[in-house]
């Protein structure tokens, strides 16, 4: 009942990357790989720009002082 279960699965190395690359080529075909790489690069760029925009909006909001809340006077019973 001695099984080896890796405690940490890290980043794939050379042989694993070759198997993954071979699988991708077989799945999508060599002709579609440049288009796939281009579209994934564009998607990553858009994600990065969106993330930077959200971060800048959050830092801008953190710099602005909070406006005092307008409250109505309480009624006495």
PDB file of N, CA and C in Angstrom:
ATOM      1  N   UNK A   1       0.822  -1.179   0.000  1.00  0.00           N
ATOM      2  CA  UNK A   1       0.000   0.000   0.000  1.00  0.00           C
ATOM      3  C   UNK A   1       0.870   1.248   0.000  1.00  0.00           C
ATOM      4  N   UNK A   2       2.011   1.102  -0.559  1.00  0.00           N
ATOM      5  CA  UNK A   2       2.969   2.185  -0.644  1.00  0.00           C
ATOM      6  C   UNK A   2       2.809   2.884  -1.989  1.00  0.00           C
ATOM      7  N   UNK A   3       2.168   4.036  -2.018  1.00  0.00           N
ATOM      8  CA  UNK A   3       1.993   4.769  -3.268  1.00  0.00           C
ATOM      9  C   UNK A   3       2.760   6.067  -3.192  1.00  0.00           C
ATOM     10  N   UNK A   4       3.249   6.463  -4.330  1.00  0.00           N
ATOM     11  CA  UNK A   4       3.973   7.730  -4.397  1.00  0.00           C
ATOM     12  C   UNK A   4       3.065   8.790  -5.012  1.00  0.00           C
ATOM     13  N   UNK A   5       2.696   9.747  -4.211  1.00  0.00           N
ATOM     14  CA  UNK A   5       1.885  10.853  -4.674  1.00  0.00           C
ATOM     15  C   UNK A   5       2.737  12.105  -4.503  1.00  0.00           C
ATOM     16  N   UNK A   6       3.012  12.795  -5.609  1.00  0.00           N
ATOM     17  CA  UNK A   6       3.860  13.983  -5.468  1.00  0.00           C
ATOM     18  C   UNK A   6       3.168  15.047  -4.626  1.00  0.00           C
ATOM     19  N   UNK A   7       3.915  15.586  -3.679  1.00  0.00           N
ATOM     20  CA  UNK A   7       3.358  16.600  -2.803  1.00  0.00           C
ATOM     21  C   UNK A   7       3.238  17.940  -3.522  1.00  0.00           C
ATOM     22  N   UNK A   8       4.112  18.152  -4.498  1.00  0.00           N
ATOM     23  CA  UNK A   8       4.100  19.407  -5.222  1.00  0.00           C
ATOM     24  C   UNK A   8       4.247  19.127  -6.707  1.00  0.00           C
ATOM     25  N   UNK A   9       3.286  19.581  -7.472  1.00  0.00           N
ATOM     26  CA  UNK A   9       3.360  19.434  -8.916  1.00  0.00           C
ATOM     27  C   UNK A   9       3.777  20.785  -9.460  1.00  0.00           C
ATOM     28  N   UNK A  10       4.976  20.856  -9.998  1.00  0.00           N
ATOM     29  CA  UNK A  10       5.530  22.127 -10.445  1.00  0.00           C
ATOM     30  C   UNK A  10       5.248  22.415 -11.902  1.00  0.00           C
ATOM     31  N   UNK A  11       6.001  23.346 -12.428  1.00  0.00           N
ATOM     32  CA  UNK A  11       5.891  23.746 -13.821  1.00  0.00           C
ATOM     33  C   UNK A  11       6.438  22.616 -14.683  1.00  0.00           C
ATOM     34  N   UNK A  12       5.752  22.284 -15.776  1.00  0.00           N
ATOM     35  CA  UNK A  12       6.231  21.195 -16.622  1.00  0.00           C
ATOM     36  C   UNK A  12       7.606  21.497 -17.203  1.00  0.00           C
ATOM     37  N   UNK A  13       8.422  20.468 -17.286  1.00  0.00           N
ATOM     38  CA  UNK A  13       9.771  20.611 -17.810  1.00  0.00           C
ATOM     39  C   UNK A  13       9.815  20.362 -19.306  1.00  0.00           C
ATOM     40  N   UNK A  14      11.009  20.085 -19.818  1.00  0.00           N
ATOM     41  CA  UNK A  14      11.237  19.894 -21.238  1.00  0.00           C
ATOM     42  C   UNK A  14      10.400  18.791 -21.868  1.00  0.00           C
ATOM     43  N   UNK A  15      10.477  17.555 -21.358  1.00  0.00           N
ATOM     44  CA  UNK A  15       9.699  16.479 -21.984  1.00  0.00           C
ATOM     45  C   UNK A  15       8.189  16.706 -21.928  1.00  0.00           C
ATOM     46  N   UNK A  16       7.718  17.260 -20.834  1.00  0.00           N
ATOM     47  CA  UNK A  16       6.287  17.524 -20.713  1.00  0.00           C
ATOM     48  C   UNK A  16       5.839  18.588 -21.710  1.00  0.00           C
ATOM     49  N   UNK A  17       6.678  19.619 -21.893  1.00  0.00           N
ATOM     50  CA  UNK A  17       6.336  20.671 -22.844  1.00  0.00           C
ATOM     51  C   UNK A  17       6.305  20.135 -24.272  1.00  0.00           C
ATOM     52  N   UNK A  18       7.210  19.223 -24.595  1.00  0.00           N
ATOM     53  CA  UNK A  18       7.206  18.616 -25.926  1.00  0.00           C
ATOM     54  C   UNK A  18       5.924  17.815 -26.164  1.00  0.00           C
ATOM     55  N   UNK A  19       5.485  17.081 -25.173  1.00  0.00           N
ATOM     56  CA  UNK A  19       4.253  16.309 -25.304  1.00  0.00           C
ATOM     57  C   UNK A  19       3.061  17.246 -25.472  1.00  0.00           C
ATOM     58  N   UNK A  20       3.028  18.329 -24.706  1.00  0.00           N
ATOM     59  CA  UNK A  20       1.944  19.298 -24.808  1.00  0.00           C
ATOM     60  C   UNK A  20       1.957  19.960 -26.189  1.00  0.00           C
ATOM     61  N   UNK A  21       3.138  20.331 -26.676  1.00  0.00           N
ATOM     62  CA  UNK A  21       3.250  20.947 -27.995  1.00  0.00           C
ATOM     63  C   UNK A  21       2.795  19.988 -29.087  1.00  0.00           C
ATOM     64  N   UNK A  22       3.188  18.735 -28.991  1.00  0.00           N
ATOM     65  CA  UNK A  22       2.765  17.734 -29.967  1.00  0.00           C
ATOM     66  C   UNK A  22       1.245  17.574 -29.949  1.00  0.00           C
ATOM     67  N   UNK A  23       0.668  17.547 -28.776  1.00  0.00           N
ATOM     68  CA  UNK A  23      -0.785  17.430 -28.644  1.00  0.00           C
ATOM     69  C   UNK A  23      -1.491  18.631 -29.272  1.00  0.00           C
ATOM     70  N   UNK A  24      -0.967  19.829 -29.048  1.00  0.00           N
ATOM     71  CA  UNK A  24      -1.577  21.040 -29.607  1.00  0.00           C
ATOM     72  C   UNK A  24      -1.490  21.020 -31.127  1.00  0.00           C
ATOM     73  N   UNK A  25      -0.335  20.594 -31.665  1.00  0.00           N
ATOM     74  CA  UNK A  25      -0.183  20.526 -33.119  1.00  0.00           C
ATOM     75  C   UNK A  25      -1.157  19.513 -33.707  1.00  0.00           C
ATOM     76  N   UNK A  26      -1.308  18.381 -33.068  1.00  0.00           N
ATOM     77  CA  UNK A  26      -2.233  17.377 -33.564  1.00  0.00           C
ATOM     78  C   UNK A  26      -3.681  17.829 -33.443  1.00  0.00           C
ATOM     79  N   UNK A  27      -3.990  18.551 -32.382  1.00  0.00           N
ATOM     80  CA  UNK A  27      -5.361  18.981 -32.146  1.00  0.00           C
ATOM     81  C   UNK A  27      -5.789  20.098 -33.103  1.00  0.00           C
ATOM     82  N   UNK A  28      -4.941  21.118 -33.267  1.00  0.00           N
ATOM     83  CA  UNK A  28      -5.316  22.284 -34.055  1.00  0.00           C
ATOM     84  C   UNK A  28      -4.757  22.259 -35.472  1.00  0.00           C
ATOM     85  N   UNK A  29      -3.706  21.528 -35.710  1.00  0.00           N
ATOM     86  CA  UNK A  29      -3.074  21.530 -37.029  1.00  0.00           C
ATOM     87  C   UNK A  29      -2.013  22.607 -37.109  1.00  0.00           C
ATOM     88  N   UNK A  30      -0.983  22.340 -37.890  1.00  0.00           N
ATOM     89  CA  UNK A  30       0.145  23.266 -37.987  1.00  0.00           C
ATOM     90  C   UNK A  30      -0.255  24.584 -38.644  1.00  0.00           C
ATOM     91  N   UNK A  31      -1.256  24.572 -39.510  1.00  0.00           N
ATOM     92  CA  UNK A  31      -1.654  25.799 -40.212  1.00  0.00           C
ATOM     93  C   UNK A  31      -2.370  26.785 -39.298  1.00  0.00           C
ATOM     94  N   UNK A  32      -3.046  26.308 -38.288  1.00  0.00           N
ATOM     95  CA  UNK A  32      -3.824  27.195 -37.418  1.00  0.00           C
ATOM     96  C   UNK A  32      -3.033  27.686 -36.205  1.00  0.00           C
ATOM     97  N   UNK A  33      -1.844  27.159 -35.964  1.00  0.00           N
ATOM     98  CA  UNK A  33      -1.076  27.558 -34.780  1.00  0.00           C
ATOM     99  C   UNK A  33      -0.705  29.042 -34.782  1.00  0.00           C
ATOM    100  N   UNK A  34      -0.232  29.629 -35.888  1.00  0.00           N
ATOM    101  CA  UNK A  34       0.073  31.071 -35.832  1.00  0.00           C
ATOM    102  C   UNK A  34      -1.150  31.923 -35.497  1.00  0.00           C
ATOM    103  N   UNK A  35      -2.302  31.573 -36.073  1.00  0.00           N
ATOM    104  CA  UNK A  35      -3.528  32.324 -35.780  1.00  0.00           C
ATOM    105  C   UNK A  35      -3.918  32.159 -34.312  1.00  0.00           C
ATOM    106  N   UNK A  36      -3.775  30.953 -33.793  1.00  0.00           N
ATOM    107  CA  UNK A  36      -4.092  30.693 -32.390  1.00  0.00           C
ATOM    108  C   UNK A  36      -3.159  31.470 -31.467  1.00  0.00           C
ATOM    109  N   UNK A  37      -1.864  31.485 -31.806  1.00  0.00           N
ATOM    110  CA  UNK A  37      -0.904  32.224 -30.980  1.00  0.00           C
ATOM    111  C   UNK A  37      -1.177  33.721 -31.035  1.00  0.00           C
ATOM    112  N   UNK A  38      -1.514  34.230 -32.211  1.00  0.00           N
ATOM    113  CA  UNK A  38      -1.795  35.657 -32.357  1.00  0.00           C
ATOM    114  C   UNK A  38      -3.027  36.057 -31.546  1.00  0.00           C
ATOM    115  N   UNK A  39      -4.076  35.272 -31.624  1.00  0.00           N
ATOM    116  CA  UNK A  39      -5.299  35.627 -30.901  1.00  0.00           C
ATOM    117  C   UNK A  39      -5.117  35.493 -29.395  1.00  0.00           C
ATOM    118  N   UNK A  40      -4.344  34.503 -28.958  1.00  0.00           N
ATOM    119  CA  UNK A  40      -4.106  34.393 -27.514  1.00  0.00           C
ATOM    120  C   UNK A  40      -3.233  35.542 -27.022  1.00  0.00           C
ATOM    121  N   UNK A  41      -2.291  35.996 -27.838  1.00  0.00           N
ATOM    122  CA  UNK A  41      -1.480  37.162 -27.468  1.00  0.00           C
ATOM    123  C   UNK A  41      -2.313  38.419 -27.370  1.00  0.00           C
ATOM    124  N   UNK A  42      -3.240  38.597 -28.312  1.00  0.00           N
ATOM    125  CA  UNK A  42      -4.132  39.762 -28.263  1.00  0.00           C
ATOM    126  C   UNK A  42      -5.028  39.705 -27.025  1.00  0.00           C
ATOM    127  N   UNK A  43      -5.512  38.526 -26.699  1.00  0.00           N
ATOM    128  CA  UNK A  43      -6.369  38.378 -25.515  1.00  0.00           C
ATOM    129  C   UNK A  43      -5.590  38.697 -24.245  1.00  0.00           C
ATOM    130  N   UNK A  44      -4.346  38.241 -24.187  1.00  0.00           N
ATOM    131  CA  UNK A  44      -3.526  38.545 -23.007  1.00  0.00           C
ATOM    132  C   UNK A  44      -3.257  40.037 -22.903  1.00  0.00           C
ATOM    133  N   UNK A  45      -3.037  40.704 -24.045  1.00  0.00           N
ATOM    134  CA  UNK A  45      -2.825  42.152 -24.037  1.00  0.00           C
ATOM    135  C   UNK A  45      -4.049  42.899 -23.563  1.00  0.00           C
ATOM    136  N   UNK A  46      -5.216  42.506 -24.027  1.00  0.00           N
ATOM    137  CA  UNK A  46      -6.460  43.145 -23.584  1.00  0.00           C
ATOM    138  C   UNK A  46      -6.695  42.922 -22.093  1.00  0.00           C
ATOM    139  N   UNK A  47      -6.400  41.717 -21.624  1.00  0.00           N
ATOM    140  CA  UNK A  47      -6.554  41.428 -20.196  1.00  0.00           C
ATOM    141  C   UNK A  47      -5.624  42.312 -19.373  1.00  0.00           C
ATOM    142  N   UNK A  48      -4.387  42.460 -19.840  1.00  0.00           N
ATOM    143  CA  UNK A  48      -3.418  43.278 -19.113  1.00  0.00           C
ATOM    144  C   UNK A  48      -3.859  44.739 -19.082  1.00  0.00           C
ATOM    145  N   UNK A  49      -4.341  45.259 -20.218  1.00  0.00           N
ATOM    146  CA  UNK A  49      -4.813  46.643 -20.244  1.00  0.00           C
ATOM    147  C   UNK A  49      -6.013  46.843 -19.330  1.00  0.00           C
ATOM    148  N   UNK A  50      -6.933  45.898 -19.314  1.00  0.00           N
ATOM    149  CA  UNK A  50      -8.090  46.002 -18.430  1.00  0.00           C
ATOM    150  C   UNK A  50      -7.693  45.966 -16.965  1.00  0.00           C
ATOM    151  N   UNK A  51      -6.748  45.093 -16.648  1.00  0.00           N
ATOM    152  CA  UNK A  51      -6.280  45.002 -15.263  1.00  0.00           C
ATOM    153  C   UNK A  51      -5.609  46.296 -14.840  1.00  0.00           C
ATOM    154  N   UNK A  52      -4.763  46.872 -15.719  1.00  0.00           N
ATOM    155  CA  UNK A  52      -4.082  48.122 -15.387  1.00  0.00           C
ATOM    156  C   UNK A  52      -5.087  49.265 -15.225  1.00  0.00           C
ATOM    157  N   UNK A  53      -6.139  49.271 -16.051  1.00  0.00           N
ATOM    158  CA  UNK A  53      -7.156  50.313 -15.951  1.00  0.00           C
ATOM    159  C   UNK A  53      -7.895  50.208 -14.615  1.00  0.00           C
ATOM    160  N   UNK A  54      -8.242  49.003 -14.221  1.00  0.00           N
ATOM    161  CA  UNK A  54      -8.940  48.805 -12.946  1.00  0.00           C
ATOM    162  C   UNK A  54      -8.031  49.206 -11.786  1.00  0.00           C
ATOM    163  N   UNK A  55      -6.754  48.841 -11.857  1.00  0.00           N
ATOM    164  CA  UNK A  55      -5.822  49.209 -10.792  1.00  0.00           C
ATOM    165  C   UNK A  55      -5.686  50.722 -10.688  1.00  0.00           C
ATOM    166  N   UNK A  56      -5.600  51.414 -11.833  1.00  0.00           N
ATOM    167  CA  UNK A  56      -5.463  52.873 -11.789  1.00  0.00           C
ATOM    168  C   UNK A  56      -6.734  53.520 -11.238  1.00  0.00           C
ATOM    169  N   UNK A  57      -7.910  52.979 -11.593  1.00  0.00           N
ATOM    170  CA  UNK A  57      -9.153  53.525 -11.046  1.00  0.00           C
ATOM    171  C   UNK A  57      -9.229  53.316  -9.541  1.00  0.00           C
ATOM    172  N   UNK A  58      -8.778  52.164  -9.075  1.00  0.00           N
ATOM    173  CA  UNK A  58      -8.812  51.909  -7.631  1.00  0.00           C
ATOM    174  C   UNK A  58      -7.840  52.809  -6.877  1.00  0.00           C
ATOM    175  N   UNK A  59      -6.645  53.023  -7.425  1.00  0.00           N
ATOM    176  CA  UNK A  59      -5.690  53.900  -6.739  1.00  0.00           C
ATOM    177  C   UNK A  59      -6.179  55.338  -6.773  1.00  0.00           C
ATOM    178  N   UNK A  60      -6.822  55.733  -7.869  1.00  0.00           N
ATOM    179  CA  UNK A  60      -7.380  57.085  -7.951  1.00  0.00           C
ATOM    180  C   UNK A  60      -8.495  57.263  -6.928  1.00  0.00           C
ATOM    181  N   UNK A  61      -9.347  56.271  -6.785  1.00  0.00           N
ATOM    182  CA  UNK A  61     -10.440  56.349  -5.813  1.00  0.00           C
ATOM    183  C   UNK A  61      -9.900  56.356  -4.383  1.00  0.00           C
ATOM    184  N   UNK A  62      -8.798  55.670  -4.153  1.00  0.00           N
ATOM    185  CA  UNK A  62      -8.220  55.635  -2.809  1.00  0.00           C
ATOM    186  C   UNK A  62      -7.594  56.980  -2.455  1.00  0.00           C
ATOM    187  N   UNK A  63      -7.104  57.725  -3.456  1.00  0.00           N
ATOM    188  CA  UNK A  63      -6.480  59.023  -3.196  1.00  0.00           C
ATOM    189  C   UNK A  63      -7.509  60.107  -2.892  1.00  0.00           C
ATOM    190  N   UNK A  64      -8.691  60.016  -3.499  1.00  0.00           N
ATOM    191  CA  UNK A  64      -9.711  61.038  -3.301  1.00  0.00           C
ATOM    192  C   UNK A  64     -10.276  60.958  -1.888  1.00  0.00           C
ATOM    193  N   UNK A  65     -10.413  62.111  -1.239  1.00  0.00           N
ATOM    194  CA  UNK A  65     -11.010  62.075   0.106  1.00  0.00           C
ATOM    195  C   UNK A  65     -12.489  61.722   0.006  1.00  0.00           C
ATOM    196  N   UNK A  66     -12.936  61.016   0.988  1.00  0.00           N
ATOM    197  CA  UNK A  66     -14.345  60.613   1.015  1.00  0.00           C
ATOM    198  C   UNK A  66     -15.210  61.826   1.322  1.00  0.00           C
ATOM    199  N   UNK A  67     -16.270  61.982   0.574  1.00  0.00           N
ATOM    200  CA  UNK A  67     -17.194  63.091   0.797  1.00  0.00           C
ATOM    201  C   UNK A  67     -18.016  62.789   2.046  1.00  0.00           C
ATOM    202  N   UNK A  68     -18.306  63.828   2.838  1.00  0.00           N
ATOM    203  CA  UNK A  68     -19.123  63.576   4.035  1.00  0.00           C
ATOM    204  C   UNK A  68     -20.527  63.120   3.637  1.00  0.00           C
ATOM    205  N   UNK A  69     -21.009  62.190   4.362  1.00  0.00           N
ATOM    206  CA  UNK A  69     -22.344  61.648   4.078  1.00  0.00           C
ATOM    207  C   UNK A  69     -23.400  62.655   4.494  1.00  0.00           C
ATOM    208  N   UNK A  70     -24.382  62.834   3.628  1.00  0.00           N
ATOM    209  CA  UNK A  70     -25.477  63.745   3.957  1.00  0.00           C
ATOM    210  C   UNK A  70     -26.523  62.969   4.739  1.00  0.00           C
ATOM    211  N   UNK A  71     -26.813  63.449   5.924  1.00  0.00           N
ATOM    212  CA  UNK A  71     -27.809  62.782   6.753  1.00  0.00           C
ATOM    213  C   UNK A  71     -28.917  63.766   7.083  1.00  0.00           C
ATOM    214  N   UNK A  72     -30.091  63.240   7.238  1.00  0.00           N
ATOM    215  CA  UNK A  72     -31.228  64.067   7.629  1.00  0.00           C
ATOM    216  C   UNK A  72     -31.323  64.065   9.154  1.00  0.00           C
ATOM    217  N   UNK A  73     -31.785  65.159   9.717  1.00  0.00           N
ATOM    218  CA  UNK A  73     -31.919  65.181  11.178  1.00  0.00           C
ATOM    219  C   UNK A  73     -32.938  64.140  11.649  1.00  0.00           C
ATOM    220  N   UNK A  74     -32.642  63.553  12.752  1.00  0.00           N
ATOM    221  CA  UNK A  74     -33.526  62.526  13.303  1.00  0.00           C
ATOM    222  C   UNK A  74     -34.759  63.173  13.910  1.00  0.00           C
ATOM    223  N   UNK A  75     -35.883  62.487  13.808  1.00  0.00           N
ATOM    224  CA  UNK A  75     -37.123  62.989  14.389  1.00  0.00           C
ATOM    225  C   UNK A  75     -37.207  62.535  15.837  1.00  0.00           C
ATOM    226  N   UNK A  76     -37.684  63.417  16.661  1.00  0.00           N
ATOM    227  CA  UNK A  76     -37.850  63.062  18.074  1.00  0.00           C
ATOM    228  C   UNK A  76     -39.247  62.530  18.283  1.00  0.00           C
ATOM    229  N   UNK A  77     -39.322  61.501  19.052  1.00  0.00           N
ATOM    230  CA  UNK A  77     -40.629  60.886  19.298  1.00  0.00           C
ATOM    231  C   UNK A  77     -41.337  61.479  20.471  1.00  0.00           C
TER     232      UNK A  77
END
